Amino acid sequence: MLGLDEAHRLAAGMYRAFLVDRFAAHRGRDYDVLLATSQPEYADAFRAITGPDVPYHVVSGANMGEMMLGVFEDLLGRYPYVLISGSDMPRLEETVIDRARESLSSHDIVLVPAQDGAYNLIGMRKPHRIFDISRWSSGSELEETVALLRRRRITHEVLDEFRLLDIDTIEDLVQLMRGPETVDAPETNTFLTALDERLDFAD
């Protein structure tokens, strides 16, 4: 059984691996990649993970919705559209990014669903106040958001062909470990192999 400190160290190692792989995969593409954080005091630690060339954007807010809205409000004056994705998954395939960008050519908002009922990518062409979710991390975020978009008649598309796994629980982690090797995510694969050998989760 893991102690609390050890569990925190493992979680930090896992998310570090995710970030290393995510930023490596999207470096040098035809779009800018930024790291949004509510913890600017860890800027040096983030730069050690992402590399010094990745800018970070400080956000604030009482919950995830307020922070995401702040990112859209801050950045959509500089970019024709913005995509936001969480850091709790090791890989965001280029095909997902391309499909989301394509969707925003004809929709105001695009959403990529997560397997747990939330969504792990949202894109907008202009800021919309659509983050009045009754409870974040409830598994109903996607359903509530789509219902709100329909009521307000905001054009949107849910990319159901992508239903991605994000890692919020031990069960999610076991599912990731039991699945095929994560393509183009060497840091994550190394972390998962070492974790499997140490804890024997996936048996």
N, C-alpha and C. Protein backbone atom coordinates (compact mmCIF):
# COMPACT_ATOMS: atom_id res chain seq x y z
N MET A 1 0.84 -1.20 0.00
CA MET A 1 0.00 0.00 0.00
C MET A 1 0.88 1.25 0.00
N LEU A 2 0.51 2.24 -0.80
CA LEU A 2 1.29 3.46 -0.91
C LEU A 2 0.93 4.44 0.20
N GLY A 3 1.95 5.08 0.77
CA GLY A 3 1.70 6.18 1.67
C GLY A 3 1.30 7.41 0.88
N LEU A 4 0.77 8.40 1.57
CA LEU A 4 0.27 9.59 0.89
C LEU A 4 1.39 10.32 0.16
N ASP A 5 2.55 10.47 0.81
CA ASP A 5 3.66 11.17 0.17
C ASP A 5 4.13 10.44 -1.08
N GLU A 6 4.20 9.10 -0.99
CA GLU A 6 4.63 8.32 -2.15
C GLU A 6 3.62 8.43 -3.29
N ALA A 7 2.33 8.41 -2.96
CA ALA A 7 1.30 8.55 -3.98
C ALA A 7 1.41 9.90 -4.67
N HIS A 8 1.68 10.95 -3.91
CA HIS A 8 1.84 12.28 -4.49
C HIS A 8 3.06 12.32 -5.42
N ARG A 9 4.15 11.66 -5.02
CA ARG A 9 5.34 11.64 -5.87
C ARG A 9 5.07 10.89 -7.17
N LEU A 10 4.34 9.79 -7.07
CA LEU A 10 4.01 9.03 -8.28
C LEU A 10 3.11 9.84 -9.21
N ALA A 11 2.13 10.53 -8.63
CA ALA A 11 1.24 11.36 -9.45
C ALA A 11 2.02 12.47 -10.14
N ALA A 12 2.93 13.10 -9.40
CA ALA A 12 3.75 14.16 -9.99
C ALA A 12 4.61 13.61 -11.12
N GLY A 13 5.17 12.42 -10.93
CA GLY A 13 5.98 11.80 -11.98
C GLY A 13 5.17 11.47 -13.21
N MET A 14 3.94 11.00 -12.99
CA MET A 14 3.08 10.66 -14.12
C MET A 14 2.72 11.90 -14.93
N TYR A 15 2.28 12.96 -14.26
CA TYR A 15 1.88 14.16 -14.99
C TYR A 15 3.08 14.85 -15.64
N ARG A 16 4.25 14.72 -15.01
CA ARG A 16 5.45 15.24 -15.66
C ARG A 16 5.69 14.51 -16.98
N ALA A 17 5.57 13.18 -16.96
CA ALA A 17 5.76 12.39 -18.18
C ALA A 17 4.75 12.79 -19.25
N PHE A 18 3.50 12.98 -18.83
CA PHE A 18 2.47 13.40 -19.79
C PHE A 18 2.85 14.72 -20.46
N LEU A 19 3.28 15.69 -19.65
CA LEU A 19 3.61 17.01 -20.19
C LEU A 19 4.81 16.95 -21.13
N VAL A 20 5.84 16.20 -20.74
CA VAL A 20 7.01 16.07 -21.60
C VAL A 20 6.61 15.55 -22.97
N ASP A 21 5.80 14.49 -22.99
CA ASP A 21 5.39 13.88 -24.26
C ASP A 21 4.47 14.79 -25.06
N ARG A 22 3.54 15.44 -24.38
CA ARG A 22 2.58 16.29 -25.09
C ARG A 22 3.29 17.46 -25.77
N PHE A 23 4.18 18.13 -25.05
CA PHE A 23 4.84 19.29 -25.64
C PHE A 23 5.85 18.88 -26.70
N ALA A 24 6.50 17.74 -26.52
CA ALA A 24 7.42 17.25 -27.55
C ALA A 24 6.67 16.93 -28.84
N ALA A 25 5.48 16.35 -28.71
CA ALA A 25 4.71 15.94 -29.89
C ALA A 25 4.21 17.13 -30.70
N HIS A 26 3.97 18.26 -30.04
CA HIS A 26 3.37 19.40 -30.74
C HIS A 26 4.36 20.53 -31.01
N ARG A 27 5.61 20.30 -30.67
CA ARG A 27 6.61 21.33 -30.94
C ARG A 27 6.89 21.39 -32.45
N GLY A 28 7.00 22.61 -32.98
CA GLY A 28 7.34 22.78 -34.38
C GLY A 28 6.17 22.66 -35.34
N ARG A 29 4.94 22.62 -34.81
CA ARG A 29 3.77 22.55 -35.69
C ARG A 29 3.39 23.96 -36.17
N ASP A 30 2.35 24.03 -36.96
CA ASP A 30 1.94 25.33 -37.52
C ASP A 30 0.95 26.05 -36.61
N TYR A 31 1.09 25.86 -35.32
CA TYR A 31 0.27 26.57 -34.33
C TYR A 31 1.11 26.76 -33.08
N ASP A 32 0.74 27.73 -32.28
CA ASP A 32 1.43 28.01 -31.02
C ASP A 32 0.89 27.10 -29.93
N VAL A 33 1.78 26.68 -29.04
CA VAL A 33 1.40 25.88 -27.87
C VAL A 33 1.81 26.64 -26.62
N LEU A 34 0.85 26.83 -25.72
CA LEU A 34 1.10 27.53 -24.47
C LEU A 34 0.72 26.63 -23.31
N LEU A 35 1.32 26.87 -22.17
CA LEU A 35 0.95 26.18 -20.94
C LEU A 35 0.19 27.15 -20.06
N ALA A 36 -1.07 26.83 -19.76
CA ALA A 36 -1.87 27.66 -18.86
C ALA A 36 -1.78 27.07 -17.46
N THR A 37 -1.51 27.92 -16.48
CA THR A 37 -1.36 27.44 -15.12
C THR A 37 -1.90 28.47 -14.13
N SER A 38 -2.42 27.97 -13.04
CA SER A 38 -2.85 28.85 -11.95
C SER A 38 -1.78 28.94 -10.87
N GLN A 39 -0.60 28.36 -11.14
CA GLN A 39 0.48 28.32 -10.15
C GLN A 39 1.77 28.90 -10.74
N PRO A 40 1.82 30.20 -10.93
CA PRO A 40 3.01 30.80 -11.56
C PRO A 40 4.26 30.63 -10.72
N GLU A 41 4.12 30.33 -9.44
CA GLU A 41 5.30 30.14 -8.60
C GLU A 41 6.12 28.92 -9.03
N TYR A 42 5.50 28.04 -9.84
CA TYR A 42 6.21 26.86 -10.33
C TYR A 42 6.70 27.04 -11.77
N ALA A 43 6.85 28.28 -12.20
CA ALA A 43 7.23 28.54 -13.60
C ALA A 43 8.55 27.87 -13.96
N ASP A 44 9.53 27.92 -13.08
CA ASP A 44 10.82 27.31 -13.38
C ASP A 44 10.69 25.80 -13.53
N ALA A 45 9.87 25.19 -12.70
CA ALA A 45 9.66 23.74 -12.80
C ALA A 45 8.96 23.39 -14.10
N PHE A 46 7.98 24.21 -14.51
CA PHE A 46 7.29 23.97 -15.77
C PHE A 46 8.26 24.10 -16.95
N ARG A 47 9.11 25.12 -16.91
CA ARG A 47 10.05 25.32 -18.01
C ARG A 47 11.03 24.15 -18.12
N ALA A 48 11.39 23.57 -16.98
CA ALA A 48 12.27 22.40 -17.01
C ALA A 48 11.60 21.22 -17.69
N ILE A 49 10.28 21.17 -17.65
CA ILE A 49 9.53 20.07 -18.27
C ILE A 49 9.27 20.36 -19.74
N THR A 50 8.79 21.55 -20.05
CA THR A 50 8.32 21.85 -21.40
C THR A 50 9.42 22.40 -22.30
N GLY A 51 10.48 22.91 -21.69
CA GLY A 51 11.50 23.61 -22.45
C GLY A 51 11.29 25.11 -22.35
N PRO A 52 12.35 25.89 -22.45
CA PRO A 52 12.25 27.34 -22.25
C PRO A 52 11.50 28.08 -23.35
N ASP A 53 11.27 27.41 -24.49
CA ASP A 53 10.62 28.08 -25.61
C ASP A 53 9.11 28.09 -25.51
N VAL A 54 8.54 27.38 -24.54
CA VAL A 54 7.08 27.30 -24.40
C VAL A 54 6.61 28.39 -23.44
N PRO A 55 5.83 29.37 -23.91
CA PRO A 55 5.31 30.39 -23.01
C PRO A 55 4.24 29.83 -22.09
N TYR A 56 4.12 30.41 -20.93
CA TYR A 56 3.04 29.99 -20.04
C TYR A 56 2.13 31.18 -19.75
N HIS A 57 0.87 30.85 -19.54
CA HIS A 57 -0.17 31.86 -19.37
C HIS A 57 -0.79 31.66 -17.99
N VAL A 58 -0.75 32.69 -17.17
CA VAL A 58 -1.28 32.59 -15.80
C VAL A 58 -2.79 32.81 -15.82
N VAL A 59 -3.51 31.89 -15.19
CA VAL A 59 -4.97 31.98 -15.13
C VAL A 59 -5.40 32.04 -13.67
N SER A 60 -6.61 32.53 -13.45
CA SER A 60 -7.18 32.56 -12.11
C SER A 60 -8.67 32.26 -12.22
N GLY A 61 -9.25 31.90 -11.11
CA GLY A 61 -10.68 31.60 -11.10
C GLY A 61 -11.01 30.65 -9.97
N ALA A 62 -12.27 30.63 -9.60
CA ALA A 62 -12.71 29.80 -8.48
C ALA A 62 -12.84 28.34 -8.85
N ASN A 63 -12.96 28.04 -10.15
CA ASN A 63 -13.11 26.65 -10.58
C ASN A 63 -12.56 26.52 -12.00
N MET A 64 -12.61 25.30 -12.50
CA MET A 64 -12.06 25.02 -13.83
C MET A 64 -12.74 25.86 -14.91
N GLY A 65 -14.05 26.03 -14.81
CA GLY A 65 -14.78 26.79 -15.81
C GLY A 65 -14.33 28.23 -15.88
N GLU A 66 -14.18 28.87 -14.73
CA GLU A 66 -13.73 30.26 -14.71
C GLU A 66 -12.33 30.40 -15.29
N MET A 67 -11.48 29.42 -14.99
CA MET A 67 -10.11 29.49 -15.51
C MET A 67 -10.09 29.32 -17.02
N MET A 68 -10.88 28.38 -17.54
CA MET A 68 -10.92 28.19 -19.00
C MET A 68 -11.49 29.42 -19.70
N LEU A 69 -12.55 29.99 -19.14
CA LEU A 69 -13.11 31.20 -19.74
C LEU A 69 -12.07 32.31 -19.77
N GLY A 70 -11.29 32.43 -18.70
CA GLY A 70 -10.24 33.44 -18.67
C GLY A 70 -9.22 33.25 -19.77
N VAL A 71 -8.85 32.00 -20.04
CA VAL A 71 -7.90 31.73 -21.13
C VAL A 71 -8.49 32.18 -22.46
N PHE A 72 -9.74 31.80 -22.72
CA PHE A 72 -10.37 32.21 -23.97
C PHE A 72 -10.45 33.73 -24.08
N GLU A 73 -10.86 34.39 -23.02
CA GLU A 73 -10.98 35.85 -23.06
C GLU A 73 -9.63 36.52 -23.29
N ASP A 74 -8.59 35.98 -22.69
CA ASP A 74 -7.26 36.58 -22.82
C ASP A 74 -6.64 36.35 -24.19
N LEU A 75 -6.84 35.17 -24.76
CA LEU A 75 -6.10 34.78 -25.96
C LEU A 75 -6.84 35.00 -27.27
N LEU A 76 -8.17 35.08 -27.23
CA LEU A 76 -8.90 35.18 -28.50
C LEU A 76 -8.78 36.56 -29.15
N GLY A 77 -8.19 37.51 -28.46
CA GLY A 77 -7.85 38.75 -29.13
C GLY A 77 -6.59 38.64 -29.98
N ARG A 78 -5.80 37.60 -29.71
CA ARG A 78 -4.54 37.40 -30.42
C ARG A 78 -4.62 36.31 -31.47
N TYR A 79 -5.57 35.39 -31.31
CA TYR A 79 -5.69 34.24 -32.21
C TYR A 79 -7.11 34.15 -32.75
N PRO A 80 -7.29 33.63 -33.97
CA PRO A 80 -8.66 33.48 -34.52
C PRO A 80 -9.47 32.41 -33.81
N TYR A 81 -8.81 31.48 -33.19
CA TYR A 81 -9.48 30.46 -32.38
C TYR A 81 -8.47 29.92 -31.38
N VAL A 82 -8.97 29.30 -30.33
CA VAL A 82 -8.13 28.73 -29.29
C VAL A 82 -8.68 27.36 -28.92
N LEU A 83 -7.79 26.39 -28.76
CA LEU A 83 -8.13 25.07 -28.25
C LEU A 83 -7.53 24.91 -26.86
N ILE A 84 -8.31 24.39 -25.93
CA ILE A 84 -7.81 24.09 -24.59
C ILE A 84 -7.95 22.60 -24.35
N SER A 85 -6.87 22.00 -23.85
CA SER A 85 -6.89 20.58 -23.50
C SER A 85 -6.27 20.40 -22.13
N GLY A 86 -6.78 19.45 -21.37
CA GLY A 86 -6.22 19.16 -20.06
C GLY A 86 -4.88 18.45 -20.16
N SER A 87 -4.16 18.43 -19.05
CA SER A 87 -2.84 17.80 -19.01
C SER A 87 -2.88 16.38 -18.48
N ASP A 88 -4.09 15.83 -18.29
CA ASP A 88 -4.21 14.53 -17.63
C ASP A 88 -4.33 13.37 -18.60
N MET A 89 -3.72 13.50 -19.76
CA MET A 89 -3.61 12.38 -20.69
C MET A 89 -2.28 12.49 -21.42
N PRO A 90 -1.69 11.35 -21.77
CA PRO A 90 -0.32 11.38 -22.27
C PRO A 90 -0.18 11.83 -23.71
N ARG A 91 -1.23 11.73 -24.49
CA ARG A 91 -1.08 11.97 -25.93
C ARG A 91 -2.35 12.61 -26.47
N LEU A 92 -2.18 13.63 -27.26
CA LEU A 92 -3.28 14.22 -28.00
C LEU A 92 -2.89 14.16 -29.47
N GLU A 93 -3.48 13.22 -30.18
CA GLU A 93 -3.05 12.94 -31.54
C GLU A 93 -3.23 14.17 -32.45
N GLU A 94 -2.33 14.27 -33.41
CA GLU A 94 -2.41 15.36 -34.38
C GLU A 94 -3.74 15.33 -35.13
N THR A 95 -4.28 14.13 -35.35
CA THR A 95 -5.56 14.03 -36.06
C THR A 95 -6.69 14.69 -35.27
N VAL A 96 -6.61 14.63 -33.94
CA VAL A 96 -7.63 15.28 -33.10
C VAL A 96 -7.53 16.80 -33.26
N ILE A 97 -6.32 17.31 -33.19
CA ILE A 97 -6.11 18.75 -33.36
C ILE A 97 -6.60 19.21 -34.73
N ASP A 98 -6.22 18.48 -35.76
CA ASP A 98 -6.62 18.86 -37.12
C ASP A 98 -8.13 18.85 -37.28
N ARG A 99 -8.76 17.83 -36.73
CA ARG A 99 -10.22 17.72 -36.85
C ARG A 99 -10.91 18.84 -36.09
N ALA A 100 -10.40 19.19 -34.92
CA ALA A 100 -10.98 20.28 -34.13
C ALA A 100 -10.82 21.61 -34.85
N ARG A 101 -9.68 21.84 -35.43
CA ARG A 101 -9.46 23.08 -36.18
C ARG A 101 -10.39 23.16 -37.39
N GLU A 102 -10.56 22.04 -38.06
CA GLU A 102 -11.49 22.00 -39.19
C GLU A 102 -12.91 22.33 -38.75
N SER A 103 -13.32 21.77 -37.60
CA SER A 103 -14.67 22.00 -37.11
C SER A 103 -14.91 23.48 -36.83
N LEU A 104 -13.91 24.17 -36.32
CA LEU A 104 -14.08 25.58 -35.98
C LEU A 104 -14.18 26.48 -37.20
N SER A 105 -13.96 25.95 -38.38
CA SER A 105 -14.18 26.74 -39.59
C SER A 105 -15.67 26.92 -39.87
N SER A 106 -16.51 26.09 -39.23
CA SER A 106 -17.96 26.17 -39.48
C SER A 106 -18.80 26.12 -38.21
N HIS A 107 -18.16 26.04 -37.03
CA HIS A 107 -18.88 26.02 -35.76
C HIS A 107 -18.24 27.01 -34.79
N ASP A 108 -19.04 27.51 -33.87
CA ASP A 108 -18.51 28.42 -32.85
C ASP A 108 -17.67 27.69 -31.81
N ILE A 109 -18.06 26.45 -31.51
CA ILE A 109 -17.42 25.68 -30.44
C ILE A 109 -17.25 24.24 -30.89
N VAL A 110 -16.14 23.64 -30.51
CA VAL A 110 -15.91 22.21 -30.75
C VAL A 110 -15.54 21.55 -29.42
N LEU A 111 -16.02 20.32 -29.23
CA LEU A 111 -15.75 19.56 -28.01
C LEU A 111 -15.28 18.16 -28.38
N VAL A 112 -14.27 17.68 -27.67
CA VAL A 112 -13.83 16.29 -27.80
C VAL A 112 -14.16 15.59 -26.49
N PRO A 113 -15.03 14.58 -26.53
CA PRO A 113 -15.47 13.95 -25.29
C PRO A 113 -14.40 13.07 -24.65
N ALA A 114 -14.50 12.97 -23.34
CA ALA A 114 -13.68 12.02 -22.59
C ALA A 114 -14.52 10.78 -22.28
N GLN A 115 -13.86 9.70 -21.94
CA GLN A 115 -14.57 8.45 -21.67
C GLN A 115 -15.40 8.52 -20.39
N ASP A 116 -15.10 9.47 -19.51
CA ASP A 116 -15.79 9.54 -18.22
C ASP A 116 -16.99 10.48 -18.23
N GLY A 117 -17.39 10.98 -19.40
CA GLY A 117 -18.55 11.86 -19.47
C GLY A 117 -18.22 13.34 -19.47
N ALA A 118 -16.96 13.66 -19.28
CA ALA A 118 -16.53 15.05 -19.38
C ALA A 118 -16.05 15.30 -20.81
N TYR A 119 -15.25 16.32 -20.99
CA TYR A 119 -14.59 16.52 -22.28
C TYR A 119 -13.15 16.90 -22.00
N ASN A 120 -12.26 16.51 -22.90
CA ASN A 120 -10.85 16.83 -22.66
C ASN A 120 -10.26 17.77 -23.70
N LEU A 121 -11.10 18.32 -24.55
CA LEU A 121 -10.67 19.42 -25.42
C LEU A 121 -11.89 20.25 -25.74
N ILE A 122 -11.71 21.57 -25.69
CA ILE A 122 -12.75 22.50 -26.10
C ILE A 122 -12.09 23.61 -26.90
N GLY A 123 -12.72 24.00 -27.98
CA GLY A 123 -12.21 25.09 -28.80
C GLY A 123 -13.30 26.11 -29.06
N MET A 124 -12.89 27.38 -29.19
CA MET A 124 -13.83 28.47 -29.46
C MET A 124 -13.22 29.45 -30.44
N ARG A 125 -14.11 30.15 -31.15
CA ARG A 125 -13.70 31.26 -32.02
C ARG A 125 -13.88 32.61 -31.33
N LYS A 126 -14.78 32.67 -30.35
CA LYS A 126 -14.93 33.85 -29.51
C LYS A 126 -15.39 33.37 -28.14
N PRO A 127 -15.13 34.15 -27.10
CA PRO A 127 -15.48 33.68 -25.76
C PRO A 127 -16.99 33.53 -25.57
N HIS A 128 -17.39 32.42 -25.01
CA HIS A 128 -18.78 32.18 -24.65
C HIS A 128 -18.81 31.76 -23.17
N ARG A 129 -19.74 32.33 -22.43
CA ARG A 129 -19.87 31.97 -21.02
C ARG A 129 -20.77 30.73 -20.90
N ILE A 130 -20.13 29.58 -21.05
CA ILE A 130 -20.88 28.32 -21.09
C ILE A 130 -20.41 27.35 -20.00
N PHE A 131 -19.74 27.87 -19.00
CA PHE A 131 -19.11 26.99 -18.02
C PHE A 131 -19.87 26.93 -16.69
N ASP A 132 -21.18 27.13 -16.76
CA ASP A 132 -22.00 27.05 -15.54
C ASP A 132 -22.35 25.59 -15.24
N ILE A 133 -21.35 24.81 -14.93
CA ILE A 133 -21.52 23.39 -14.65
C ILE A 133 -21.90 23.22 -13.18
N SER A 134 -22.87 22.35 -12.92
CA SER A 134 -23.34 22.19 -11.54
C SER A 134 -22.24 21.65 -10.63
N ARG A 135 -21.43 20.73 -11.15
CA ARG A 135 -20.33 20.20 -10.35
C ARG A 135 -19.26 19.67 -11.29
N TRP A 136 -18.07 20.24 -11.19
CA TRP A 136 -16.97 19.77 -12.02
C TRP A 136 -16.49 18.41 -11.53
N SER A 137 -15.94 17.62 -12.47
CA SER A 137 -15.48 16.24 -12.20
C SER A 137 -16.62 15.34 -11.79
N SER A 138 -17.82 15.62 -12.30
CA SER A 138 -19.00 14.82 -11.97
C SER A 138 -19.31 13.78 -13.03
N GLY A 139 -18.72 13.92 -14.22
CA GLY A 139 -19.04 13.03 -15.32
C GLY A 139 -20.21 13.50 -16.16
N SER A 140 -20.75 14.68 -15.84
CA SER A 140 -21.89 15.21 -16.60
C SER A 140 -21.53 16.49 -17.35
N GLU A 141 -20.25 16.84 -17.36
CA GLU A 141 -19.84 18.12 -17.95
C GLU A 141 -20.22 18.23 -19.42
N LEU A 142 -19.97 17.17 -20.18
CA LEU A 142 -20.28 17.23 -21.61
C LEU A 142 -21.78 17.36 -21.83
N GLU A 143 -22.56 16.56 -21.15
CA GLU A 143 -24.02 16.61 -21.31
C GLU A 143 -24.57 17.98 -20.95
N GLU A 144 -24.12 18.53 -19.83
CA GLU A 144 -24.60 19.85 -19.41
C GLU A 144 -24.19 20.94 -20.40
N THR A 145 -22.96 20.85 -20.88
CA THR A 145 -22.47 21.86 -21.81
C THR A 145 -23.24 21.83 -23.12
N VAL A 146 -23.46 20.64 -23.67
CA VAL A 146 -24.19 20.52 -24.93
C VAL A 146 -25.63 21.02 -24.76
N ALA A 147 -26.26 20.71 -23.63
CA ALA A 147 -27.62 21.19 -23.39
C ALA A 147 -27.66 22.72 -23.36
N LEU A 148 -26.65 23.32 -22.73
CA LEU A 148 -26.58 24.78 -22.67
C LEU A 148 -26.36 25.38 -24.06
N LEU A 149 -25.49 24.77 -24.84
CA LEU A 149 -25.23 25.26 -26.20
C LEU A 149 -26.49 25.19 -27.06
N ARG A 150 -27.26 24.13 -26.90
CA ARG A 150 -28.50 24.01 -27.67
C ARG A 150 -29.51 25.07 -27.25
N ARG A 151 -29.63 25.30 -25.94
CA ARG A 151 -30.57 26.32 -25.47
C ARG A 151 -30.21 27.69 -26.01
N ARG A 152 -28.94 27.97 -26.06
CA ARG A 152 -28.49 29.30 -26.51
C ARG A 152 -28.28 29.36 -28.03
N ARG A 153 -28.51 28.26 -28.69
CA ARG A 153 -28.38 28.18 -30.14
C ARG A 153 -26.98 28.60 -30.60
N ILE A 154 -26.00 28.13 -29.89
CA ILE A 154 -24.61 28.34 -30.27
C ILE A 154 -24.17 27.16 -31.12
N THR A 155 -23.68 27.43 -32.31
CA THR A 155 -23.29 26.33 -33.19
C THR A 155 -22.10 25.58 -32.59
N HIS A 156 -22.16 24.26 -32.64
CA HIS A 156 -21.13 23.45 -32.00
C HIS A 156 -21.06 22.08 -32.66
N GLU A 157 -19.97 21.40 -32.40
CA GLU A 157 -19.81 20.02 -32.86
C GLU A 157 -19.10 19.23 -31.77
N VAL A 158 -19.61 18.04 -31.50
CA VAL A 158 -18.97 17.10 -30.58
C VAL A 158 -18.30 16.03 -31.44
N LEU A 159 -17.01 15.88 -31.29
CA LEU A 159 -16.26 14.94 -32.12
C LEU A 159 -16.30 13.56 -31.47
N ASP A 160 -17.43 12.88 -31.67
CA ASP A 160 -17.63 11.59 -31.02
C ASP A 160 -16.70 10.50 -31.54
N GLU A 161 -16.08 10.73 -32.70
CA GLU A 161 -15.15 9.72 -33.19
C GLU A 161 -13.91 9.61 -32.32
N PHE A 162 -13.68 10.64 -31.51
CA PHE A 162 -12.59 10.61 -30.54
C PHE A 162 -13.22 10.63 -29.14
N ARG A 163 -13.02 9.59 -28.39
CA ARG A 163 -13.50 9.57 -27.01
C ARG A 163 -12.30 9.14 -26.17
N LEU A 164 -11.58 10.13 -25.69
CA LEU A 164 -10.24 9.91 -25.16
C LEU A 164 -10.26 9.58 -23.67
N LEU A 165 -9.24 8.85 -23.26
CA LEU A 165 -9.07 8.49 -21.85
C LEU A 165 -8.22 9.54 -21.16
N ASP A 166 -8.78 10.17 -20.13
CA ASP A 166 -7.94 10.99 -19.27
C ASP A 166 -7.79 10.27 -17.93
N ILE A 167 -6.73 10.60 -17.23
CA ILE A 167 -6.34 9.84 -16.06
C ILE A 167 -6.69 10.62 -14.81
N ASP A 168 -7.82 10.25 -14.20
CA ASP A 168 -8.28 10.91 -12.98
C ASP A 168 -8.26 9.98 -11.77
N THR A 169 -8.28 8.67 -12.01
CA THR A 169 -8.41 7.70 -10.92
C THR A 169 -7.42 6.56 -11.12
N ILE A 170 -7.27 5.73 -10.08
CA ILE A 170 -6.44 4.53 -10.19
C ILE A 170 -6.97 3.63 -11.30
N GLU A 171 -8.29 3.53 -11.41
CA GLU A 171 -8.89 2.68 -12.45
C GLU A 171 -8.50 3.17 -13.85
N ASP A 172 -8.48 4.49 -14.04
CA ASP A 172 -8.04 5.04 -15.33
C ASP A 172 -6.59 4.67 -15.60
N LEU A 173 -5.76 4.76 -14.57
CA LEU A 173 -4.35 4.44 -14.73
C LEU A 173 -4.16 2.97 -15.11
N VAL A 174 -4.90 2.09 -14.45
CA VAL A 174 -4.82 0.66 -14.77
C VAL A 174 -5.25 0.42 -16.21
N GLN A 175 -6.31 1.10 -16.65
CA GLN A 175 -6.76 0.96 -18.04
C GLN A 175 -5.68 1.40 -19.01
N LEU A 176 -5.00 2.49 -18.69
CA LEU A 176 -3.92 2.96 -19.55
C LEU A 176 -2.78 1.94 -19.59
N MET A 177 -2.45 1.36 -18.44
CA MET A 177 -1.36 0.40 -18.36
C MET A 177 -1.69 -0.89 -19.09
N ARG A 178 -2.95 -1.28 -19.09
CA ARG A 178 -3.35 -2.52 -19.74
C ARG A 178 -3.52 -2.37 -21.24
N GLY A 179 -3.65 -1.13 -21.69
CA GLY A 179 -3.86 -0.89 -23.11
C GLY A 179 -2.57 -0.99 -23.88
N PRO A 180 -2.65 -0.76 -25.20
CA PRO A 180 -1.44 -0.81 -26.02
C PRO A 180 -0.49 0.33 -25.65
N GLU A 181 0.76 0.14 -26.01
CA GLU A 181 1.75 1.18 -25.73
C GLU A 181 1.30 2.50 -26.33
N THR A 182 1.45 3.56 -25.57
CA THR A 182 1.04 4.88 -26.03
C THR A 182 1.98 5.36 -27.13
N VAL A 183 1.43 5.55 -28.32
CA VAL A 183 2.25 5.89 -29.49
C VAL A 183 2.87 7.27 -29.31
N ASP A 184 4.15 7.36 -29.63
CA ASP A 184 4.87 8.64 -29.59
C ASP A 184 4.80 9.30 -28.22
N ALA A 185 4.83 8.49 -27.18
CA ALA A 185 4.86 9.02 -25.81
C ALA A 185 5.92 8.26 -25.02
N PRO A 186 7.18 8.40 -25.38
CA PRO A 186 8.23 7.59 -24.76
C PRO A 186 8.39 7.81 -23.27
N GLU A 187 8.24 9.05 -22.83
CA GLU A 187 8.39 9.34 -21.40
C GLU A 187 7.30 8.64 -20.60
N THR A 188 6.08 8.68 -21.11
CA THR A 188 4.96 8.01 -20.44
C THR A 188 5.15 6.50 -20.44
N ASN A 189 5.58 5.94 -21.55
CA ASN A 189 5.79 4.49 -21.61
C ASN A 189 6.86 4.04 -20.63
N THR A 190 7.92 4.81 -20.51
CA THR A 190 8.97 4.48 -19.54
C THR A 190 8.44 4.54 -18.12
N PHE A 191 7.65 5.58 -17.83
CA PHE A 191 7.06 5.71 -16.49
C PHE A 191 6.14 4.54 -16.18
N LEU A 192 5.27 4.18 -17.13
CA LEU A 192 4.30 3.10 -16.90
C LEU A 192 4.99 1.76 -16.73
N THR A 193 6.04 1.51 -17.49
CA THR A 193 6.78 0.25 -17.35
C THR A 193 7.39 0.14 -15.97
N ALA A 194 8.02 1.21 -15.52
CA ALA A 194 8.62 1.20 -14.18
C ALA A 194 7.57 1.05 -13.10
N LEU A 195 6.43 1.70 -13.28
CA LEU A 195 5.36 1.61 -12.28
C LEU A 195 4.77 0.21 -12.23
N ASP A 196 4.60 -0.40 -13.39
CA ASP A 196 4.06 -1.75 -13.45
C ASP A 196 4.98 -2.73 -12.75
N GLU A 197 6.28 -2.61 -12.98
CA GLU A 197 7.24 -3.50 -12.34
C GLU A 197 7.27 -3.31 -10.83
N ARG A 198 7.02 -2.10 -10.41
CA ARG A 198 7.09 -1.80 -8.98
C ARG A 198 5.83 -2.19 -8.22
N LEU A 199 4.68 -1.90 -8.81
CA LEU A 199 3.42 -2.06 -8.08
C LEU A 199 2.57 -3.22 -8.56
N ASP A 200 2.87 -3.75 -9.74
CA ASP A 200 2.11 -4.88 -10.28
C ASP A 200 0.63 -4.54 -10.40
N PHE A 201 0.33 -3.32 -10.84
CA PHE A 201 -1.05 -2.86 -10.98
C PHE A 201 -1.85 -3.67 -11.98
N ALA A 202 -1.21 -3.97 -13.11
CA ALA A 202 -1.98 -4.44 -14.25
C ALA A 202 -2.24 -5.93 -14.25
N ASP A 203 -1.86 -6.64 -13.23
CA ASP A 203 -2.13 -8.08 -13.17
C ASP A 203 -3.48 -8.36 -12.58
